[in-house]
Amino acid sequence: MRHAEADRSDPLAEETVRPLSPAGERAVASLAEQLAGLGLAADVLLSSQAVCSRATAGIIAAKLSLKVLIDRRLYDGGVVDFQEVVRSLEHSHNTAILVGHNSSLSEFMRYLTDANREDIPPGSAVIVDLAINIWHHVFIGKGLFRTQLFPPEEVVEIKEDAPPPPRGWKDRLCHWLDLKIDEDVEKEEPQSS
């Protein structure tokens, strides 16, 4: 499961301390309902240490009555790190939920299923059945992609007199450059006398 949308209102905040956005909280609450509706009998939930992942895992854990275990390898580890996390699970666990980040989470899903699938979007989950008897046997191609769960699309109504939605620094720069180019073009146009 990829953590839900993080709050980007502070462009200087480090990735590990960003909380979930309000939309992210709603998305993961919906995802928790979907997981509960599937009757998924998870018995362990692991999350990276990042605030947005812990918050995502916390909402899921509350709905499924699970405890969240933190593993730092789920933050910026690669496929081998994810494999080690899964291989280190106790054999008494039958179903595990991992909450992490892209691109490593999507790469691990592709590794397990030996399939070239799209990246996992924020606040989405992929369910993979593993053809193994013990966690230590997790390796390439041992997973069967079963389904992917997505949060519902949010409809945002924009009123004509409302200010534009907040943008990231790249959007603001592109907007400023567009305005600057338009101003320069207007200055260059010959004036009629």
Protein backbone atom coordinates (compact mmCIF):
# COMPACT_ATOMS: atom_id res chain seq x y z
CA MET A 1 0.00 0.00 0.00
CA ARG A 2 1.32 3.43 -0.92
CA HIS A 3 0.82 6.16 1.66
CA ALA A 4 -1.97 8.62 0.92
CA GLU A 5 -1.39 12.16 -0.34
CA ALA A 6 0.95 14.15 1.89
CA ASP A 7 0.44 17.81 2.80
CA ARG A 8 2.71 19.96 0.62
CA SER A 9 1.72 23.34 2.04
CA ASP A 10 5.22 23.82 3.48
CA PRO A 11 7.64 23.46 0.55
CA LEU A 12 10.61 23.42 2.94
CA ALA A 13 9.38 20.53 5.09
CA GLU A 14 11.37 17.33 4.81
CA GLU A 15 9.56 14.41 3.22
CA THR A 16 9.68 12.35 6.42
CA VAL A 17 7.76 14.94 8.48
CA ARG A 18 4.93 15.78 6.08
CA PRO A 19 1.52 14.80 7.50
CA LEU A 20 -1.35 13.60 5.36
CA SER A 21 -3.36 16.25 3.55
CA PRO A 22 -7.09 16.40 4.35
CA ALA A 23 -7.73 14.74 0.97
CA GLY A 24 -5.17 12.06 1.89
CA GLU A 25 -6.94 11.37 5.18
CA ARG A 26 -10.27 10.96 3.39
CA ALA A 27 -8.69 8.72 0.75
CA VAL A 28 -7.10 6.36 3.25
CA ALA A 29 -10.31 6.21 5.31
CA SER A 30 -12.10 5.07 2.14
CA LEU A 31 -9.35 2.57 1.43
CA ALA A 32 -9.63 1.20 4.98
CA GLU A 33 -13.37 0.64 4.37
CA GLN A 34 -12.57 -1.19 1.12
CA LEU A 35 -10.00 -3.42 2.83
CA ALA A 36 -12.42 -4.20 5.66
CA GLY A 37 -15.13 -5.00 3.08
CA LEU A 38 -12.85 -7.57 1.46
CA GLY A 39 -12.60 -9.43 4.74
CA LEU A 40 -8.82 -9.23 4.48
CA ALA A 41 -7.52 -11.12 7.51
CA ALA A 42 -4.24 -9.25 7.88
CA ASP A 43 -2.33 -9.99 11.04
CA VAL A 44 0.65 -7.64 10.68
CA LEU A 45 0.97 -4.09 9.35
CA LEU A 46 4.39 -2.57 8.70
CA SER A 47 5.06 1.07 7.84
CA SER A 48 7.99 3.32 7.11
CA GLN A 49 8.87 5.91 9.73
CA ALA A 50 7.63 8.85 7.61
CA VAL A 51 4.72 10.73 9.20
CA CYS A 52 2.44 10.32 6.14
CA SER A 53 3.05 6.55 6.07
CA ARG A 54 2.52 6.18 9.82
CA ALA A 55 -0.73 8.17 9.55
CA THR A 56 -1.89 6.01 6.62
CA ALA A 57 -0.99 2.86 8.53
CA GLY A 58 -2.70 4.19 11.68
CA ILE A 59 -6.03 4.69 9.91
CA ILE A 60 -5.83 1.22 8.33
CA ALA A 61 -4.73 -0.34 11.63
CA ALA A 62 -7.64 1.24 13.52
CA LYS A 63 -10.15 -0.13 11.01
CA LEU A 64 -8.62 -3.63 10.90
CA SER A 65 -7.66 -3.79 14.61
CA LEU A 66 -3.94 -4.13 13.95
CA LYS A 67 -0.80 -2.81 15.57
CA VAL A 68 1.58 -0.77 13.39
CA LEU A 69 5.20 -1.89 13.30
CA ILE A 70 7.78 0.60 11.97
CA ASP A 71 10.57 -0.52 9.67
CA ARG A 72 12.90 2.17 8.29
CA ARG A 73 13.76 0.04 5.26
CA LEU A 74 10.28 0.76 3.90
CA TYR A 75 11.13 4.47 3.48
CA ASP A 76 13.92 4.50 0.94
CA GLY A 77 14.96 0.89 0.66
CA GLY A 78 15.03 -0.98 -2.61
CA VAL A 79 13.60 -4.30 -3.66
CA VAL A 80 16.21 -6.24 -1.67
CA ASP A 81 15.34 -4.26 1.47
CA PHE A 82 11.62 -4.91 1.01
CA GLN A 83 12.35 -8.57 0.43
CA GLU A 84 14.35 -8.69 3.68
CA VAL A 85 11.48 -7.02 5.56
CA VAL A 86 9.03 -9.64 4.32
CA ARG A 87 11.45 -12.53 4.82
CA SER A 88 11.94 -11.46 8.44
CA LEU A 89 8.23 -11.77 9.27
CA GLU A 90 7.30 -14.38 11.84
CA HIS A 91 5.92 -17.57 10.31
CA SER A 92 2.78 -17.21 12.44
CA HIS A 93 1.70 -14.26 10.24
CA ASN A 94 -0.44 -15.23 7.27
CA THR A 95 -1.23 -11.84 5.70
CA ALA A 96 0.92 -8.72 5.85
CA ILE A 97 0.27 -5.12 4.85
CA LEU A 98 3.23 -2.92 3.94
CA VAL A 99 2.82 0.87 3.83
CA GLY A 100 5.59 2.58 1.92
CA HIS A 101 6.65 4.95 -0.81
CA ASN A 102 7.28 4.98 -4.51
CA SER A 103 9.23 4.02 -6.45
CA SER A 104 10.50 1.17 -4.28
CA LEU A 105 7.01 -0.04 -3.35
CA SER A 106 5.95 -0.31 -7.00
CA GLU A 107 9.24 -1.96 -7.91
CA PHE A 108 8.70 -4.54 -5.16
CA MET A 109 5.19 -5.27 -6.48
CA ARG A 110 6.64 -5.74 -9.99
CA TYR A 111 9.38 -7.98 -8.53
CA LEU A 112 6.86 -10.18 -6.69
CA THR A 113 4.51 -10.53 -9.64
CA ASP A 114 7.20 -10.53 -12.33
CA ALA A 115 4.91 -8.19 -14.28
CA ASN A 116 5.39 -4.72 -15.69
CA ARG A 117 2.54 -2.81 -14.02
CA GLU A 118 1.96 0.92 -13.51
CA ASP A 119 3.22 2.61 -10.35
CA ILE A 120 0.93 2.41 -7.35
CA PRO A 121 -0.84 5.80 -6.96
CA PRO A 122 -0.93 7.57 -3.57
CA GLY A 123 -3.51 6.13 -1.20
CA SER A 124 -3.89 2.94 -3.24
CA ALA A 125 -3.27 -0.68 -2.39
CA VAL A 126 -2.25 -3.70 -4.41
CA ILE A 127 -3.19 -7.15 -3.19
CA VAL A 128 -0.72 -9.86 -4.14
CA ASP A 129 -1.19 -13.52 -3.29
CA LEU A 130 2.10 -15.29 -2.62
CA ALA A 131 2.60 -18.93 -3.56
CA ILE A 132 4.77 -19.67 -0.53
CA ASN A 133 4.58 -21.65 2.70
CA ILE A 134 6.92 -19.46 4.74
CA TRP A 135 7.89 -15.78 4.34
CA HIS A 136 11.53 -16.66 3.78
CA HIS A 137 10.60 -18.08 0.36
CA VAL A 138 9.61 -14.67 -1.06
CA PHE A 139 11.43 -14.01 -4.32
CA ILE A 140 10.81 -12.89 -7.89
CA GLY A 141 7.66 -14.13 -9.55
CA LYS A 142 6.20 -15.81 -6.44
CA GLY A 143 3.28 -13.38 -6.35
CA LEU A 144 0.01 -13.34 -8.23
CA PHE A 145 -1.54 -9.91 -8.73
CA ARG A 146 -5.08 -10.19 -7.38
CA THR A 147 -6.53 -6.68 -7.36
CA GLN A 148 -5.79 -3.01 -6.86
CA LEU A 149 -7.84 -0.71 -4.63
CA PHE A 150 -8.11 3.00 -5.37
CA PRO A 151 -9.50 5.86 -3.29
CA PRO A 152 -12.60 7.49 -4.77
CA GLU A 153 -12.04 10.47 -7.02
CA GLU A 154 -12.73 13.75 -5.28
CA VAL A 155 -14.85 16.29 -7.09
CA VAL A 156 -13.67 19.81 -6.37
CA GLU A 157 -16.11 22.57 -7.11
CA ILE A 158 -14.38 25.85 -7.93
CA LYS A 159 -16.44 28.99 -7.54
CA GLU A 160 -15.77 31.79 -9.98
CA ASP A 161 -14.87 34.28 -7.24
CA ALA A 162 -12.73 31.80 -5.30
CA PRO A 163 -8.95 32.21 -5.34
CA PRO A 164 -7.04 29.60 -7.31
CA PRO A 165 -6.06 26.47 -5.41
CA PRO A 166 -2.58 26.50 -3.84
CA ARG A 167 0.14 25.32 -6.15
CA GLY A 168 3.57 23.80 -5.74
CA TRP A 169 6.68 25.83 -6.48
CA LYS A 170 7.07 24.31 -9.96
CA ASP A 171 3.52 25.32 -10.91
CA ARG A 172 4.07 28.83 -9.54
CA LEU A 173 7.32 29.15 -11.52
CA CYS A 174 5.67 27.98 -14.75
CA HIS A 175 2.76 30.36 -14.15
CA TRP A 176 5.17 33.24 -13.51
CA LEU A 177 7.19 32.38 -16.62
CA ASP A 178 3.99 32.29 -18.69
CA LEU A 179 3.01 35.72 -17.37
CA LYS A 180 6.52 37.07 -17.99
CA ILE A 181 6.52 35.76 -21.57
CA ASP A 182 3.07 37.29 -22.19
CA GLU A 183 4.28 40.67 -20.83
CA ASP A 184 7.39 40.54 -23.03
CA VAL A 185 5.28 39.74 -26.11
CA GLU A 186 2.98 42.68 -25.39
CA LYS A 187 6.02 45.01 -25.09
CA GLU A 188 7.41 43.81 -28.43
CA GLU A 189 4.17 44.35 -30.37
CA PRO A 190 4.36 47.52 -32.47
CA GLN A 191 2.07 50.27 -31.34
CA SER A 192 -0.25 51.73 -33.88
CA SER A 193 -0.16 55.53 -34.22
